[in-house]
Amino acid sequence: MRFVIQRVNKSSVSVENEVVGKINQGFMVLIGICDSDTYEIVDKMVKKMIGLRIFEDSEGKTNLSLAQVGGELLLISQFTLYANCKKGNRPSFVDAGKPDMANEMYEYIIEKCKKEVEVVEKGIFGAEMDVMIENQGPFTIILDSDTL
C-alpha cells in the first residue's frame, strides 16, 4: 500500500465538473492499493499517517499532528501509484490491486479514518477525477507499507 500525503491549506476533488470532496487545512492523500494488502496493513498505514507530526508549532518546528491542528482529510484512490515503468515507455499497472478488492480496502481506509478524524472527504473510486491542491510548504510524504 502506498500513501502520498500532501500537507494542504485546501484541496478538492471534482468528477465531471462537480466537487465531490473538499477540505481546508489537512492532508490530501493519494492511495495506491495492491493485491497483497490486508486490513492489518491498512490499520498500520492509517495509524502512521494520522500520527505524522508535520504541522508547524508556534516556534515554526514541525511538531504538530493532524488532530492537534484540527486538520481534515481528503482521500483519493490512485492505482497509478503502482505503475511499473521498467520496460518501454508505456507504464504497466499489473501490480495495482484488482478493482473489487482495492475498492473494499479503500472504503475500509475511509471508515478507519472517520473514527480518528472529524472531517474525512473522498473521491469516487475508479472515476476520472480532477484534483485541486494548495500544498502548504510544499510538504509531501510518501508512506509505503513495504518500508514501514
N, C-alpha and C. Protein backbone atom coordinates (compact mmCIF):
# COMPACT_ATOMS: atom_id res chain seq x y z
N MET A 1 0.86 -1.18 0.00
CA MET A 1 0.00 0.00 0.00
C MET A 1 0.90 1.23 0.00
N ARG A 2 0.46 2.22 -0.72
CA ARG A 2 1.21 3.47 -0.81
C ARG A 2 0.27 4.65 -0.56
N PHE A 3 0.74 5.56 0.30
CA PHE A 3 0.04 6.82 0.54
C PHE A 3 0.98 7.94 0.13
N VAL A 4 0.53 8.83 -0.70
CA VAL A 4 1.24 10.07 -0.99
C VAL A 4 0.46 11.16 -0.26
N ILE A 5 1.07 11.69 0.78
CA ILE A 5 0.41 12.62 1.69
C ILE A 5 0.93 14.03 1.43
N GLN A 6 0.02 14.92 1.12
CA GLN A 6 0.40 16.31 0.92
C GLN A 6 -0.28 17.16 1.99
N ARG A 7 0.54 17.95 2.69
CA ARG A 7 0.01 18.90 3.67
C ARG A 7 -0.56 20.06 2.89
N VAL A 8 -1.84 20.34 3.10
CA VAL A 8 -2.50 21.35 2.26
C VAL A 8 -3.18 22.43 3.10
N ASN A 9 -3.30 23.61 2.50
CA ASN A 9 -4.16 24.66 3.04
C ASN A 9 -5.60 24.38 2.67
N LYS A 10 -5.77 23.83 1.46
CA LYS A 10 -7.08 23.41 0.98
C LYS A 10 -6.88 22.48 -0.20
N SER A 11 -7.89 21.66 -0.43
CA SER A 11 -7.85 20.72 -1.55
C SER A 11 -9.27 20.30 -1.88
N SER A 12 -9.49 19.96 -3.14
CA SER A 12 -10.80 19.46 -3.54
C SER A 12 -10.64 18.47 -4.68
N VAL A 13 -11.66 17.67 -4.88
CA VAL A 13 -11.69 16.72 -5.98
C VAL A 13 -13.04 16.84 -6.66
N SER A 14 -13.00 16.86 -8.00
CA SER A 14 -14.21 17.00 -8.81
C SER A 14 -14.33 15.85 -9.78
N VAL A 15 -15.56 15.48 -10.07
CA VAL A 15 -15.88 14.48 -11.09
C VAL A 15 -16.91 15.13 -12.00
N GLU A 16 -16.60 15.17 -13.30
CA GLU A 16 -17.48 15.79 -14.29
C GLU A 16 -17.88 17.21 -13.87
N ASN A 17 -16.87 17.99 -13.46
CA ASN A 17 -17.02 19.39 -13.05
C ASN A 17 -17.87 19.61 -11.80
N GLU A 18 -18.12 18.58 -11.04
CA GLU A 18 -18.86 18.71 -9.78
C GLU A 18 -17.94 18.31 -8.63
N VAL A 19 -17.81 19.22 -7.64
CA VAL A 19 -16.97 18.93 -6.47
C VAL A 19 -17.63 17.82 -5.66
N VAL A 20 -16.86 16.74 -5.42
CA VAL A 20 -17.38 15.62 -4.64
C VAL A 20 -16.70 15.51 -3.28
N GLY A 21 -15.59 16.22 -3.10
CA GLY A 21 -14.89 16.24 -1.83
C GLY A 21 -14.07 17.50 -1.71
N LYS A 22 -14.08 18.10 -0.50
CA LYS A 22 -13.39 19.37 -0.33
C LYS A 22 -12.96 19.52 1.13
N ILE A 23 -11.71 19.93 1.35
CA ILE A 23 -11.22 20.15 2.71
C ILE A 23 -10.47 21.47 2.81
N ASN A 24 -10.31 21.90 4.06
CA ASN A 24 -9.42 23.01 4.38
C ASN A 24 -8.12 22.40 4.89
N GLN A 25 -7.43 23.05 5.80
CA GLN A 25 -6.13 22.58 6.26
C GLN A 25 -6.17 21.10 6.64
N GLY A 26 -5.18 20.37 6.15
CA GLY A 26 -5.09 18.96 6.48
C GLY A 26 -4.22 18.22 5.49
N PHE A 27 -4.59 16.97 5.21
CA PHE A 27 -3.86 16.11 4.28
C PHE A 27 -4.74 15.75 3.09
N MET A 28 -4.19 15.92 1.89
CA MET A 28 -4.77 15.33 0.70
C MET A 28 -3.92 14.07 0.47
N VAL A 29 -4.57 12.92 0.42
CA VAL A 29 -3.84 11.65 0.37
C VAL A 29 -4.23 10.87 -0.88
N LEU A 30 -3.23 10.58 -1.71
CA LEU A 30 -3.42 9.67 -2.85
C LEU A 30 -3.11 8.27 -2.34
N ILE A 31 -3.99 7.31 -2.64
CA ILE A 31 -3.88 5.97 -2.08
C ILE A 31 -3.75 4.94 -3.18
N GLY A 32 -2.65 4.20 -3.13
CA GLY A 32 -2.43 3.08 -4.05
C GLY A 32 -2.54 1.77 -3.30
N ILE A 33 -3.26 0.83 -3.87
CA ILE A 33 -3.50 -0.46 -3.22
C ILE A 33 -3.06 -1.58 -4.15
N CYS A 34 -2.39 -2.59 -3.57
CA CYS A 34 -2.00 -3.76 -4.37
C CYS A 34 -2.70 -5.00 -3.81
N ASP A 35 -2.66 -6.09 -4.55
CA ASP A 35 -3.41 -7.30 -4.19
C ASP A 35 -2.96 -7.93 -2.87
N SER A 36 -1.74 -7.68 -2.44
CA SER A 36 -1.26 -8.30 -1.20
C SER A 36 -1.62 -7.48 0.04
N ASP A 37 -2.29 -6.34 -0.13
CA ASP A 37 -2.65 -5.52 1.02
C ASP A 37 -3.74 -6.19 1.86
N THR A 38 -3.68 -5.92 3.16
CA THR A 38 -4.61 -6.52 4.12
C THR A 38 -5.18 -5.43 5.04
N TYR A 39 -6.17 -5.81 5.84
CA TYR A 39 -6.72 -4.89 6.83
C TYR A 39 -5.66 -4.49 7.85
N GLU A 40 -4.77 -5.42 8.19
CA GLU A 40 -3.71 -5.12 9.14
C GLU A 40 -2.76 -4.06 8.58
N ILE A 41 -2.49 -4.13 7.28
CA ILE A 41 -1.65 -3.11 6.64
C ILE A 41 -2.35 -1.76 6.67
N VAL A 42 -3.65 -1.76 6.38
CA VAL A 42 -4.42 -0.51 6.43
C VAL A 42 -4.33 0.10 7.83
N ASP A 43 -4.55 -0.71 8.85
CA ASP A 43 -4.51 -0.22 10.23
C ASP A 43 -3.17 0.44 10.53
N LYS A 44 -2.10 -0.19 10.13
CA LYS A 44 -0.75 0.34 10.36
C LYS A 44 -0.52 1.63 9.59
N MET A 45 -0.93 1.67 8.34
CA MET A 45 -0.72 2.85 7.50
C MET A 45 -1.54 4.04 8.01
N VAL A 46 -2.79 3.80 8.37
CA VAL A 46 -3.65 4.88 8.86
C VAL A 46 -3.10 5.43 10.18
N LYS A 47 -2.69 4.54 11.07
CA LYS A 47 -2.13 4.98 12.35
C LYS A 47 -0.90 5.86 12.13
N LYS A 48 -0.02 5.44 11.25
CA LYS A 48 1.19 6.22 10.95
C LYS A 48 0.82 7.57 10.35
N MET A 49 -0.08 7.57 9.36
CA MET A 49 -0.47 8.81 8.70
C MET A 49 -1.08 9.81 9.69
N ILE A 50 -2.02 9.35 10.49
CA ILE A 50 -2.71 10.24 11.41
C ILE A 50 -1.75 10.78 12.47
N GLY A 51 -0.76 10.00 12.81
CA GLY A 51 0.19 10.41 13.84
C GLY A 51 1.32 11.30 13.35
N LEU A 52 1.45 11.45 12.02
CA LEU A 52 2.55 12.28 11.50
C LEU A 52 2.49 13.68 12.09
N ARG A 53 3.63 14.13 12.60
CA ARG A 53 3.73 15.48 13.16
C ARG A 53 4.42 16.37 12.12
N ILE A 54 3.63 16.88 11.19
CA ILE A 54 4.22 17.67 10.10
C ILE A 54 3.60 19.06 9.97
N PHE A 55 2.87 19.47 11.01
CA PHE A 55 2.37 20.84 11.04
C PHE A 55 3.23 21.65 12.00
N GLU A 56 3.41 22.92 11.69
CA GLU A 56 4.30 23.76 12.49
C GLU A 56 3.66 24.20 13.80
N ASP A 57 4.51 24.21 14.85
CA ASP A 57 4.08 24.75 16.14
C ASP A 57 4.39 26.25 16.19
N SER A 58 4.24 26.85 17.33
CA SER A 58 4.44 28.30 17.46
C SER A 58 5.88 28.73 17.22
N GLU A 59 6.81 27.77 17.26
CA GLU A 59 8.22 28.08 17.01
C GLU A 59 8.64 27.75 15.58
N GLY A 60 7.68 27.34 14.75
CA GLY A 60 7.98 27.02 13.36
C GLY A 60 8.55 25.63 13.15
N LYS A 61 8.52 24.79 14.16
CA LYS A 61 9.02 23.41 14.06
C LYS A 61 7.86 22.48 13.72
N THR A 62 8.14 21.47 12.92
CA THR A 62 7.09 20.51 12.56
C THR A 62 6.90 19.53 13.71
N ASN A 63 6.03 19.91 14.65
CA ASN A 63 5.79 19.13 15.86
C ASN A 63 4.34 18.74 16.07
N LEU A 64 3.43 19.26 15.24
CA LEU A 64 2.01 19.04 15.49
C LEU A 64 1.39 18.03 14.53
N SER A 65 0.49 17.23 15.06
CA SER A 65 -0.20 16.22 14.27
C SER A 65 -1.49 16.79 13.68
N LEU A 66 -2.12 16.01 12.84
CA LEU A 66 -3.40 16.37 12.23
C LEU A 66 -4.43 16.74 13.30
N ALA A 67 -4.54 15.92 14.33
CA ALA A 67 -5.52 16.16 15.39
C ALA A 67 -5.22 17.46 16.13
N GLN A 68 -3.95 17.74 16.34
CA GLN A 68 -3.57 18.94 17.12
C GLN A 68 -3.89 20.24 16.39
N VAL A 69 -4.04 20.19 15.07
CA VAL A 69 -4.38 21.41 14.31
C VAL A 69 -5.82 21.37 13.80
N GLY A 70 -6.57 20.36 14.21
CA GLY A 70 -7.95 20.22 13.73
C GLY A 70 -8.00 19.97 12.23
N GLY A 71 -7.00 19.24 11.72
CA GLY A 71 -6.88 19.00 10.29
C GLY A 71 -7.92 18.06 9.73
N GLU A 72 -8.12 18.19 8.43
CA GLU A 72 -9.11 17.39 7.70
C GLU A 72 -8.39 16.47 6.71
N LEU A 73 -9.11 15.48 6.22
CA LEU A 73 -8.55 14.51 5.27
C LEU A 73 -9.35 14.49 3.97
N LEU A 74 -8.64 14.43 2.85
CA LEU A 74 -9.25 14.16 1.54
C LEU A 74 -8.54 12.93 1.00
N LEU A 75 -9.26 11.82 0.86
CA LEU A 75 -8.69 10.53 0.46
C LEU A 75 -9.10 10.20 -0.97
N ILE A 76 -8.10 9.95 -1.81
CA ILE A 76 -8.35 9.72 -3.24
C ILE A 76 -7.63 8.46 -3.68
N SER A 77 -8.38 7.52 -4.24
CA SER A 77 -7.76 6.29 -4.75
C SER A 77 -6.99 6.61 -6.03
N GLN A 78 -5.81 6.00 -6.17
CA GLN A 78 -5.00 6.25 -7.36
C GLN A 78 -4.15 5.01 -7.67
N PHE A 79 -4.69 4.16 -8.53
CA PHE A 79 -4.00 2.91 -8.88
C PHE A 79 -2.66 3.18 -9.58
N THR A 80 -2.50 4.36 -10.18
CA THR A 80 -1.25 4.65 -10.91
C THR A 80 -0.04 4.75 -9.99
N LEU A 81 -0.25 4.75 -8.67
CA LEU A 81 0.89 4.72 -7.75
C LEU A 81 1.63 3.39 -7.85
N TYR A 82 1.01 2.41 -8.49
CA TYR A 82 1.66 1.12 -8.72
C TYR A 82 2.09 0.95 -10.18
N ALA A 83 2.37 2.04 -10.85
CA ALA A 83 2.86 1.97 -12.24
C ALA A 83 4.23 1.31 -12.25
N ASN A 84 4.42 0.40 -13.20
CA ASN A 84 5.71 -0.24 -13.42
C ASN A 84 6.25 0.30 -14.75
N CYS A 85 7.37 0.99 -14.67
CA CYS A 85 7.94 1.65 -15.85
C CYS A 85 9.26 1.01 -16.28
N LYS A 86 9.50 -0.25 -15.90
CA LYS A 86 10.77 -0.90 -16.21
C LYS A 86 10.97 -1.15 -17.71
N LYS A 87 9.90 -1.52 -18.41
CA LYS A 87 10.03 -1.87 -19.82
C LYS A 87 9.33 -0.84 -20.69
N GLY A 88 10.05 -0.27 -21.61
CA GLY A 88 9.46 0.67 -22.55
C GLY A 88 9.02 1.97 -21.91
N ASN A 89 8.18 2.69 -22.61
CA ASN A 89 7.72 4.00 -22.14
C ASN A 89 6.25 4.03 -21.74
N ARG A 90 5.58 2.90 -21.90
CA ARG A 90 4.16 2.83 -21.51
C ARG A 90 4.08 2.06 -20.19
N PRO A 91 3.65 2.73 -19.12
CA PRO A 91 3.60 2.05 -17.82
C PRO A 91 2.64 0.86 -17.83
N SER A 92 3.00 -0.12 -17.02
CA SER A 92 2.13 -1.27 -16.78
C SER A 92 1.52 -1.09 -15.39
N PHE A 93 0.29 -1.51 -15.22
CA PHE A 93 -0.38 -1.36 -13.93
C PHE A 93 -0.78 -2.72 -13.35
N VAL A 94 -0.09 -3.78 -13.76
CA VAL A 94 -0.42 -5.11 -13.29
C VAL A 94 -0.18 -5.28 -11.79
N ASP A 95 0.64 -4.40 -11.18
CA ASP A 95 0.92 -4.50 -9.75
C ASP A 95 -0.17 -3.86 -8.90
N ALA A 96 -1.06 -3.09 -9.52
CA ALA A 96 -2.16 -2.45 -8.78
C ALA A 96 -3.20 -3.50 -8.39
N GLY A 97 -3.87 -3.25 -7.29
CA GLY A 97 -4.89 -4.18 -6.81
C GLY A 97 -6.06 -4.29 -7.76
N LYS A 98 -6.64 -5.48 -7.84
CA LYS A 98 -7.84 -5.68 -8.66
C LYS A 98 -8.96 -4.78 -8.12
N PRO A 99 -9.78 -4.23 -9.02
CA PRO A 99 -10.75 -3.20 -8.61
C PRO A 99 -11.66 -3.56 -7.43
N ASP A 100 -12.24 -4.74 -7.40
CA ASP A 100 -13.15 -5.08 -6.30
C ASP A 100 -12.44 -5.09 -4.96
N MET A 101 -11.29 -5.73 -4.92
CA MET A 101 -10.51 -5.79 -3.68
C MET A 101 -10.00 -4.41 -3.29
N ALA A 102 -9.49 -3.64 -4.26
CA ALA A 102 -8.95 -2.31 -3.98
C ALA A 102 -10.04 -1.38 -3.46
N ASN A 103 -11.24 -1.46 -4.03
CA ASN A 103 -12.34 -0.62 -3.57
C ASN A 103 -12.72 -0.99 -2.13
N GLU A 104 -12.73 -2.26 -1.83
CA GLU A 104 -13.04 -2.71 -0.47
C GLU A 104 -12.01 -2.15 0.52
N MET A 105 -10.74 -2.20 0.15
CA MET A 105 -9.68 -1.66 1.02
C MET A 105 -9.81 -0.14 1.15
N TYR A 106 -10.10 0.53 0.05
CA TYR A 106 -10.27 1.99 0.05
C TYR A 106 -11.40 2.39 1.00
N GLU A 107 -12.53 1.70 0.92
CA GLU A 107 -13.66 2.01 1.80
C GLU A 107 -13.31 1.74 3.26
N TYR A 108 -12.52 0.69 3.50
CA TYR A 108 -12.08 0.39 4.86
C TYR A 108 -11.17 1.51 5.38
N ILE A 109 -10.28 2.02 4.53
CA ILE A 109 -9.40 3.13 4.91
C ILE A 109 -10.25 4.34 5.31
N ILE A 110 -11.27 4.65 4.52
CA ILE A 110 -12.15 5.79 4.80
C ILE A 110 -12.83 5.61 6.15
N GLU A 111 -13.39 4.45 6.40
CA GLU A 111 -14.09 4.20 7.66
C GLU A 111 -13.13 4.25 8.85
N LYS A 112 -11.95 3.73 8.67
CA LYS A 112 -10.93 3.76 9.73
C LYS A 112 -10.56 5.21 10.06
N CYS A 113 -10.39 6.03 9.04
CA CYS A 113 -10.03 7.44 9.24
C CYS A 113 -11.16 8.21 9.91
N LYS A 114 -12.40 7.89 9.58
CA LYS A 114 -13.54 8.59 10.16
C LYS A 114 -13.63 8.36 11.67
N LYS A 115 -13.04 7.29 12.17
CA LYS A 115 -13.02 7.02 13.61
C LYS A 115 -12.01 7.91 14.33
N GLU A 116 -11.07 8.48 13.56
CA GLU A 116 -9.99 9.27 14.16
C GLU A 116 -10.05 10.76 13.83
N VAL A 117 -10.67 11.11 12.70
CA VAL A 117 -10.65 12.48 12.20
C VAL A 117 -12.09 12.94 11.96
N GLU A 118 -12.38 14.17 12.38
CA GLU A 118 -13.76 14.66 12.28
C GLU A 118 -14.23 14.83 10.84
N VAL A 119 -13.37 15.45 9.98
CA VAL A 119 -13.76 15.70 8.59
C VAL A 119 -12.94 14.80 7.67
N VAL A 120 -13.62 13.86 7.02
CA VAL A 120 -12.99 12.97 6.05
C VAL A 120 -13.80 13.04 4.76
N GLU A 121 -13.18 13.54 3.71
CA GLU A 121 -13.81 13.63 2.40
C GLU A 121 -13.12 12.62 1.49
N LYS A 122 -13.74 12.33 0.34
CA LYS A 122 -13.16 11.33 -0.55
C LYS A 122 -13.49 11.63 -2.00
N GLY A 123 -12.74 10.98 -2.87
CA GLY A 123 -13.04 10.99 -4.28
C GLY A 123 -14.00 9.85 -4.59
N ILE A 124 -14.16 9.56 -5.87
CA ILE A 124 -15.02 8.44 -6.29
C ILE A 124 -14.13 7.38 -6.89
N PHE A 125 -14.16 6.20 -6.29
CA PHE A 125 -13.30 5.11 -6.73
C PHE A 125 -13.52 4.81 -8.21
N GLY A 126 -12.44 4.76 -8.97
CA GLY A 126 -12.49 4.39 -10.38
C GLY A 126 -12.90 5.50 -11.33
N ALA A 127 -13.27 6.65 -10.78
CA ALA A 127 -13.72 7.75 -11.64
C ALA A 127 -12.53 8.55 -12.17
N GLU A 128 -12.75 9.25 -13.26
CA GLU A 128 -11.80 10.25 -13.76
C GLU A 128 -12.01 11.49 -12.90
N MET A 129 -10.96 11.89 -12.16
CA MET A 129 -11.11 12.98 -11.20
C MET A 129 -10.14 14.11 -11.50
N ASP A 130 -10.56 15.32 -11.15
CA ASP A 130 -9.69 16.49 -11.19
C ASP A 130 -9.43 16.89 -9.75
N VAL A 131 -8.15 17.00 -9.40
CA VAL A 131 -7.77 17.30 -8.02
C VAL A 131 -7.12 18.68 -7.96
N MET A 132 -7.63 19.52 -7.08
CA MET A 132 -7.05 20.83 -6.82
C MET A 132 -6.32 20.73 -5.48
N ILE A 133 -5.06 21.18 -5.49
CA ILE A 133 -4.25 21.10 -4.28
C ILE A 133 -3.56 22.43 -4.06
N GLU A 134 -3.72 22.96 -2.87
CA GLU A 134 -2.88 24.08 -2.45
C GLU A 134 -1.96 23.51 -1.38
N ASN A 135 -0.83 22.95 -1.86
CA ASN A 135 0.13 22.29 -1.00
C ASN A 135 0.82 23.34 -0.15
N GLN A 136 0.83 23.14 1.17
CA GLN A 136 1.43 24.10 2.08
C GLN A 136 2.84 23.64 2.41
N GLY A 137 3.82 24.40 2.00
CA GLY A 137 5.21 24.07 2.28
C GLY A 137 6.12 24.33 1.09
N PRO A 138 6.10 23.58 0.04
CA PRO A 138 5.35 22.32 -0.13
C PRO A 138 5.87 21.23 0.80
N PHE A 139 4.97 20.38 1.20
CA PHE A 139 5.31 19.31 2.14
C PHE A 139 4.60 18.05 1.67
N THR A 140 5.38 17.05 1.23
CA THR A 140 4.84 15.79 0.72
C THR A 140 5.60 14.63 1.37
N ILE A 141 4.87 13.67 1.86
CA ILE A 141 5.43 12.47 2.49
C ILE A 141 4.89 11.25 1.74
N ILE A 142 5.76 10.29 1.48
CA ILE A 142 5.33 9.04 0.85
C ILE A 142 5.46 7.93 1.89
N LEU A 143 4.35 7.27 2.18
CA LEU A 143 4.36 6.09 3.05
C LEU A 143 4.16 4.86 2.18
N ASP A 144 5.02 3.89 2.34
CA ASP A 144 4.93 2.63 1.60
C ASP A 144 4.94 1.50 2.62
N SER A 145 3.91 0.67 2.60
CA SER A 145 3.82 -0.41 3.59
C SER A 145 5.01 -1.35 3.54
N ASP A 146 5.70 -1.43 2.41
CA ASP A 146 6.88 -2.29 2.31
C ASP A 146 8.06 -1.74 3.08
N THR A 147 8.03 -0.46 3.45
CA THR A 147 9.17 0.14 4.15
C THR A 147 8.83 0.59 5.56
N LEU A 148 7.59 0.32 6.03
CA LEU A 148 7.23 0.70 7.41
C LEU A 148 7.46 -0.45 8.36
